[in-house]
Each structure stands twice: as structure tokens, then as C-alpha cells.
PDB file of all heavy atoms in Angstrom:
ATOM      1  N   LYS A   1       1.390  38.041  15.163  1.00  0.00           N
ATOM      2  CA  LYS A   1       0.544  38.455  14.074  1.00  0.00           C
ATOM      3  C   LYS A   1      -0.870  38.758  14.548  1.00  0.00           C
ATOM      4  O   LYS A   1      -1.582  39.559  13.923  1.00  0.00           O
ATOM      5  CB  LYS A   1       0.549  37.412  12.993  1.00  0.00           C
ATOM      6  CG  LYS A   1       1.905  37.230  12.304  1.00  0.00           C
ATOM      7  CD  LYS A   1       1.831  36.185  11.223  1.00  0.00           C
ATOM      8  CE  LYS A   1       3.175  35.993  10.556  1.00  0.00           C
ATOM      9  NZ  LYS A   1       3.132  34.968   9.492  1.00  0.00           N
ATOM     10  N   ASP A   2      -1.356  38.092  15.565  1.00  0.00           N
ATOM     11  CA  ASP A   2      -2.718  38.231  16.009  1.00  0.00           C
ATOM     12  C   ASP A   2      -2.802  38.113  17.535  1.00  0.00           C
ATOM     13  O   ASP A   2      -2.133  37.301  18.127  1.00  0.00           O
ATOM     14  CB  ASP A   2      -3.574  37.140  15.350  1.00  0.00           C
ATOM     15  CG  ASP A   2      -5.094  37.341  15.653  1.00  0.00           C
ATOM     16  OD1 ASP A   2      -5.726  38.184  15.017  1.00  0.00           O
ATOM     17  OD2 ASP A   2      -5.595  36.641  16.558  1.00  0.00           O
ATOM     18  N   PHE A   3      -3.626  38.932  18.160  1.00  0.00           N
ATOM     19  CA  PHE A   3      -3.778  38.898  19.603  1.00  0.00           C
ATOM     20  C   PHE A   3      -4.582  37.646  20.080  1.00  0.00           C
ATOM     21  O   PHE A   3      -4.481  37.239  21.250  1.00  0.00           O
ATOM     22  CB  PHE A   3      -4.481  40.154  20.100  1.00  0.00           C
ATOM     23  CG  PHE A   3      -4.595  40.267  21.635  1.00  0.00           C
ATOM     24  CD1 PHE A   3      -3.456  40.463  22.397  1.00  0.00           C
ATOM     25  CD2 PHE A   3      -5.828  40.157  22.263  1.00  0.00           C
ATOM     26  CE1 PHE A   3      -3.561  40.524  23.771  1.00  0.00           C
ATOM     27  CE2 PHE A   3      -5.897  40.222  23.663  1.00  0.00           C
ATOM     28  CZ  PHE A   3      -4.771  40.416  24.406  1.00  0.00           C
ATOM     29  N   LYS A   4      -5.350  37.095  19.243  1.00  0.00           N
ATOM     30  CA  LYS A   4      -6.117  35.848  19.460  1.00  0.00           C
ATOM     31  C   LYS A   4      -7.314  36.092  20.401  1.00  0.00           C
ATOM     32  O   LYS A   4      -7.770  35.125  21.078  1.00  0.00           O
ATOM     33  CB  LYS A   4      -5.239  34.723  19.990  1.00  0.00           C
ATOM     34  CG  LYS A   4      -4.089  34.379  19.083  1.00  0.00           C
ATOM     35  CD  LYS A   4      -3.251  33.270  19.692  1.00  0.00           C
ATOM     36  CE  LYS A   4      -2.052  32.917  18.801  1.00  0.00           C
ATOM     37  NZ  LYS A   4      -1.208  31.848  19.376  1.00  0.00           N
ATOM     38  N   GLY A   5      -7.794  37.301  20.422  1.00  0.00           N
ATOM     39  CA  GLY A   5      -8.950  37.590  21.291  1.00  0.00           C
ATOM     40  C   GLY A   5      -9.467  38.922  21.065  1.00  0.00           C
ATOM     41  O   GLY A   5      -8.882  39.761  20.395  1.00  0.00           O
ATOM     42  N   ASN A   6     -10.622  39.263  21.646  1.00  0.00           N
ATOM     43  CA  ASN A   6     -11.232  40.555  21.581  1.00  0.00           C
ATOM     44  C   ASN A   6     -10.408  41.554  22.390  1.00  0.00           C
ATOM     45  O   ASN A   6      -9.868  41.223  23.441  1.00  0.00           O
ATOM     46  CB  ASN A   6     -12.652  40.561  22.061  1.00  0.00           C
ATOM     47  CG  ASN A   6     -13.559  39.714  21.193  1.00  0.00           C
ATOM     48  OD1 ASN A   6     -13.373  39.665  19.967  1.00  0.00           O
ATOM     49  ND2 ASN A   6     -14.533  39.100  21.819  1.00  0.00           N
ATOM     50  N   VAL A   7     -10.342  42.806  21.931  1.00  0.00           N
ATOM     51  CA  VAL A   7      -9.628  43.895  22.647  1.00  0.00           C
ATOM     52  C   VAL A   7     -10.601  45.038  22.805  1.00  0.00           C
ATOM     53  O   VAL A   7     -11.084  45.555  21.838  1.00  0.00           O
ATOM     54  CB  VAL A   7      -8.398  44.305  21.881  1.00  0.00           C
ATOM     55  CG1 VAL A   7      -7.706  45.468  22.594  1.00  0.00           C
ATOM     56  CG2 VAL A   7      -7.399  43.153  21.688  1.00  0.00           C
ATOM     57  N   PRO A   8     -10.866  45.504  24.078  1.00  0.00           N
ATOM     58  CA  PRO A   8     -10.368  44.849  25.293  1.00  0.00           C
ATOM     59  C   PRO A   8     -11.093  43.592  25.630  1.00  0.00           C
ATOM     60  O   PRO A   8     -12.339  43.477  25.353  1.00  0.00           O
ATOM     61  CB  PRO A   8     -10.636  45.933  26.346  1.00  0.00           C
ATOM     62  CG  PRO A   8     -11.875  46.677  25.808  1.00  0.00           C
ATOM     63  CD  PRO A   8     -11.681  46.701  24.343  1.00  0.00           C
ATOM     64  N   GLY A   9     -10.458  42.672  26.284  1.00  0.00           N
ATOM     65  CA  GLY A   9     -11.061  41.403  26.700  1.00  0.00           C
ATOM     66  C   GLY A   9     -11.860  41.513  27.938  1.00  0.00           C
ATOM     67  O   GLY A   9     -12.723  40.719  28.212  1.00  0.00           O
ATOM     68  N   ARG A  10     -11.537  42.532  28.774  1.00  0.00           N
ATOM     69  CA  ARG A  10     -12.229  42.742  30.071  1.00  0.00           C
ATOM     70  C   ARG A  10     -12.670  44.167  30.214  1.00  0.00           C
ATOM     71  O   ARG A  10     -12.216  44.887  31.130  1.00  0.00           O
ATOM     72  CB  ARG A  10     -11.309  42.304  31.225  1.00  0.00           C
ATOM     73  CG  ARG A  10     -10.916  40.826  31.231  1.00  0.00           C
ATOM     74  CD  ARG A  10     -10.126  40.483  32.469  1.00  0.00           C
ATOM     75  NE  ARG A  10      -9.749  39.087  32.464  1.00  0.00           N
ATOM     76  CZ  ARG A  10      -8.593  38.620  31.909  1.00  0.00           C
ATOM     77  NH1 ARG A  10      -7.724  39.456  31.409  1.00  0.00           N
ATOM     78  NH2 ARG A  10      -8.301  37.301  32.036  1.00  0.00           N
ATOM     79  N   PRO A  11     -13.554  44.666  29.377  1.00  0.00           N
ATOM     80  CA  PRO A  11     -13.975  46.062  29.401  1.00  0.00           C
ATOM     81  C   PRO A  11     -14.695  46.456  30.703  1.00  0.00           C
ATOM     82  O   PRO A  11     -14.626  47.601  31.073  1.00  0.00           O
ATOM     83  CB  PRO A  11     -14.891  46.201  28.205  1.00  0.00           C
ATOM     84  CG  PRO A  11     -15.408  44.811  27.960  1.00  0.00           C
ATOM     85  CD  PRO A  11     -14.260  43.922  28.301  1.00  0.00           C
ATOM     86  N   ASP A  12     -15.256  45.462  31.402  1.00  0.00           N
ATOM     87  CA  ASP A  12     -16.025  45.738  32.586  1.00  0.00           C
ATOM     88  C   ASP A  12     -15.191  46.182  33.767  1.00  0.00           C
ATOM     89  O   ASP A  12     -15.770  46.704  34.722  1.00  0.00           O
ATOM     90  CB  ASP A  12     -16.845  44.499  32.963  1.00  0.00           C
ATOM     91  CG  ASP A  12     -15.954  43.276  33.188  1.00  0.00           C
ATOM     92  OD1 ASP A  12     -15.218  42.924  32.245  1.00  0.00           O
ATOM     93  OD2 ASP A  12     -16.017  42.689  34.255  1.00  0.00           O
ATOM     94  N   ILE A  13     -13.889  46.025  33.750  1.00  0.00           N
ATOM     95  CA  ILE A  13     -13.102  46.332  34.965  1.00  0.00           C
ATOM     96  C   ILE A  13     -12.680  47.805  34.961  1.00  0.00           C
ATOM     97  O   ILE A  13     -12.132  48.295  35.971  1.00  0.00           O
ATOM     98  CB  ILE A  13     -11.796  45.443  35.073  1.00  0.00           C
ATOM     99  CG1 ILE A  13     -10.826  45.715  33.906  1.00  0.00           C
ATOM    100  CG2 ILE A  13     -12.196  44.001  35.158  1.00  0.00           C
ATOM    101  CD1 ILE A  13      -9.488  45.083  34.112  1.00  0.00           C
ATOM    102  N   LEU A  14     -12.897  48.498  33.886  1.00  0.00           N
ATOM    103  CA  LEU A  14     -12.405  49.889  33.726  1.00  0.00           C
ATOM    104  C   LEU A  14     -13.583  50.862  33.701  1.00  0.00           C
ATOM    105  O   LEU A  14     -14.481  50.736  32.878  1.00  0.00           O
ATOM    106  CB  LEU A  14     -11.601  50.031  32.432  1.00  0.00           C
ATOM    107  CG  LEU A  14     -11.133  51.442  32.107  1.00  0.00           C
ATOM    108  CD1 LEU A  14     -10.144  51.952  33.174  1.00  0.00           C
ATOM    109  CD2 LEU A  14     -10.464  51.506  30.751  1.00  0.00           C
ATOM    110  N   ILE A  15     -13.555  51.857  34.574  1.00  0.00           N
ATOM    111  CA  ILE A  15     -14.383  53.059  34.533  1.00  0.00           C
ATOM    112  C   ILE A  15     -13.435  54.167  34.157  1.00  0.00           C
ATOM    113  O   ILE A  15     -12.597  54.569  34.979  1.00  0.00           O
ATOM    114  CB  ILE A  15     -15.098  53.299  35.892  1.00  0.00           C
ATOM    115  CG1 ILE A  15     -16.042  52.142  36.202  1.00  0.00           C
ATOM    116  CG2 ILE A  15     -15.856  54.637  35.806  1.00  0.00           C
ATOM    117  CD1 ILE A  15     -16.644  52.326  37.613  1.00  0.00           C
ATOM    118  N   SER A  16     -13.483  54.637  32.940  1.00  0.00           N
ATOM    119  CA  SER A  16     -12.456  55.500  32.401  1.00  0.00           C
ATOM    120  C   SER A  16     -12.584  56.934  32.909  1.00  0.00           C
ATOM    121  O   SER A  16     -11.619  57.491  33.467  1.00  0.00           O
ATOM    122  CB  SER A  16     -12.467  55.445  30.882  1.00  0.00           C
ATOM    123  OG  SER A  16     -11.417  56.211  30.385  1.00  0.00           O
ATOM    124  N   THR A  17     -13.702  57.572  32.638  1.00  0.00           N
ATOM    125  CA  THR A  17     -13.892  58.992  32.958  1.00  0.00           C
ATOM    126  C   THR A  17     -14.892  59.225  34.072  1.00  0.00           C
ATOM    127  O   THR A  17     -15.622  58.343  34.450  1.00  0.00           O
ATOM    128  CB  THR A  17     -14.354  59.729  31.678  1.00  0.00           C
ATOM    129  OG1 THR A  17     -15.681  59.293  31.360  1.00  0.00           O
ATOM    130  CG2 THR A  17     -13.434  59.423  30.483  1.00  0.00           C
ATOM    131  N   SER A  18     -14.974  60.480  34.481  1.00  0.00           N
ATOM    132  CA  SER A  18     -15.925  60.845  35.489  1.00  0.00           C
ATOM    133  C   SER A  18     -17.360  60.656  35.036  1.00  0.00           C
ATOM    134  O   SER A  18     -18.244  60.294  35.773  1.00  0.00           O
ATOM    135  CB  SER A  18     -15.728  62.320  35.924  1.00  0.00           C
ATOM    136  OG  SER A  18     -14.399  62.467  36.476  1.00  0.00           O
ATOM    137  N   ALA A  19     -17.608  60.931  33.724  1.00  0.00           N
ATOM    138  CA  ALA A  19     -18.915  60.687  33.147  1.00  0.00           C
ATOM    139  C   ALA A  19     -19.251  59.202  33.169  1.00  0.00           C
ATOM    140  O   ALA A  19     -20.402  58.827  33.449  1.00  0.00           O
ATOM    141  CB  ALA A  19     -18.954  61.211  31.738  1.00  0.00           C
ATOM    142  N   ASP A  20     -18.240  58.373  32.903  1.00  0.00           N
ATOM    143  CA  ASP A  20     -18.491  56.888  33.023  1.00  0.00           C
ATOM    144  C   ASP A  20     -18.788  56.509  34.423  1.00  0.00           C
ATOM    145  O   ASP A  20     -19.593  55.584  34.675  1.00  0.00           O
ATOM    146  CB  ASP A  20     -17.246  56.156  32.502  1.00  0.00           C
ATOM    147  CG  ASP A  20     -16.948  56.363  31.064  1.00  0.00           C
ATOM    148  OD1 ASP A  20     -17.903  56.633  30.296  1.00  0.00           O
ATOM    149  OD2 ASP A  20     -15.769  56.270  30.676  1.00  0.00           O
ATOM    150  N   LEU A  21     -18.173  57.167  35.388  1.00  0.00           N
ATOM    151  CA  LEU A  21     -18.469  56.879  36.826  1.00  0.00           C
ATOM    152  C   LEU A  21     -19.908  57.214  37.158  1.00  0.00           C
ATOM    153  O   LEU A  21     -20.600  56.410  37.839  1.00  0.00           O
ATOM    154  CB  LEU A  21     -17.478  57.598  37.717  1.00  0.00           C
ATOM    155  CG  LEU A  21     -17.741  57.413  39.253  1.00  0.00           C
ATOM    156  CD1 LEU A  21     -17.614  55.922  39.654  1.00  0.00           C
ATOM    157  CD2 LEU A  21     -16.771  58.276  40.024  1.00  0.00           C
ATOM    158  N   LEU A  22     -20.366  58.367  36.716  1.00  0.00           N
ATOM    159  CA  LEU A  22     -21.754  58.720  36.968  1.00  0.00           C
ATOM    160  C   LEU A  22     -22.683  57.697  36.376  1.00  0.00           C
ATOM    161  O   LEU A  22     -23.710  57.312  37.010  1.00  0.00           O
ATOM    162  CB  LEU A  22     -22.052  60.114  36.405  1.00  0.00           C
ATOM    163  CG  LEU A  22     -21.379  61.308  37.066  1.00  0.00           C
ATOM    164  CD1 LEU A  22     -21.900  62.612  36.462  1.00  0.00           C
ATOM    165  CD2 LEU A  22     -21.611  61.337  38.611  1.00  0.00           C
ATOM    166  N   ALA A  23     -22.377  57.231  35.188  1.00  0.00           N
ATOM    167  CA  ALA A  23     -23.224  56.211  34.547  1.00  0.00           C
ATOM    168  C   ALA A  23     -23.224  54.905  35.355  1.00  0.00           C
ATOM    169  O   ALA A  23     -24.299  54.249  35.492  1.00  0.00           O
ATOM    170  CB  ALA A  23     -22.722  55.963  33.098  1.00  0.00           C
ATOM    171  N   ALA A  24     -22.047  54.516  35.874  1.00  0.00           N
ATOM    172  CA  ALA A  24     -21.951  53.333  36.640  1.00  0.00           C
ATOM    173  C   ALA A  24     -22.733  53.461  37.978  1.00  0.00           C
ATOM    174  O   ALA A  24     -23.374  52.493  38.436  1.00  0.00           O
ATOM    175  CB  ALA A  24     -20.464  53.011  36.941  1.00  0.00           C
TER     176      ALA A  24
END
């Protein structure tokens, strides 16, 4: 019924797009 945590729980491990990569 519930994931019991924030989603995503580890947002820092993902660089999604090329624009995100430039920002990183």
C-alpha cells in the first residue's frame, strides 16, 4: 500500500539527460 520512503530515494546517483550532465 505504501513504499515507505521518498521516491526517488537516491536522486543523486542519476544524471538523466545531456543537459543534466552539463549542469553536473
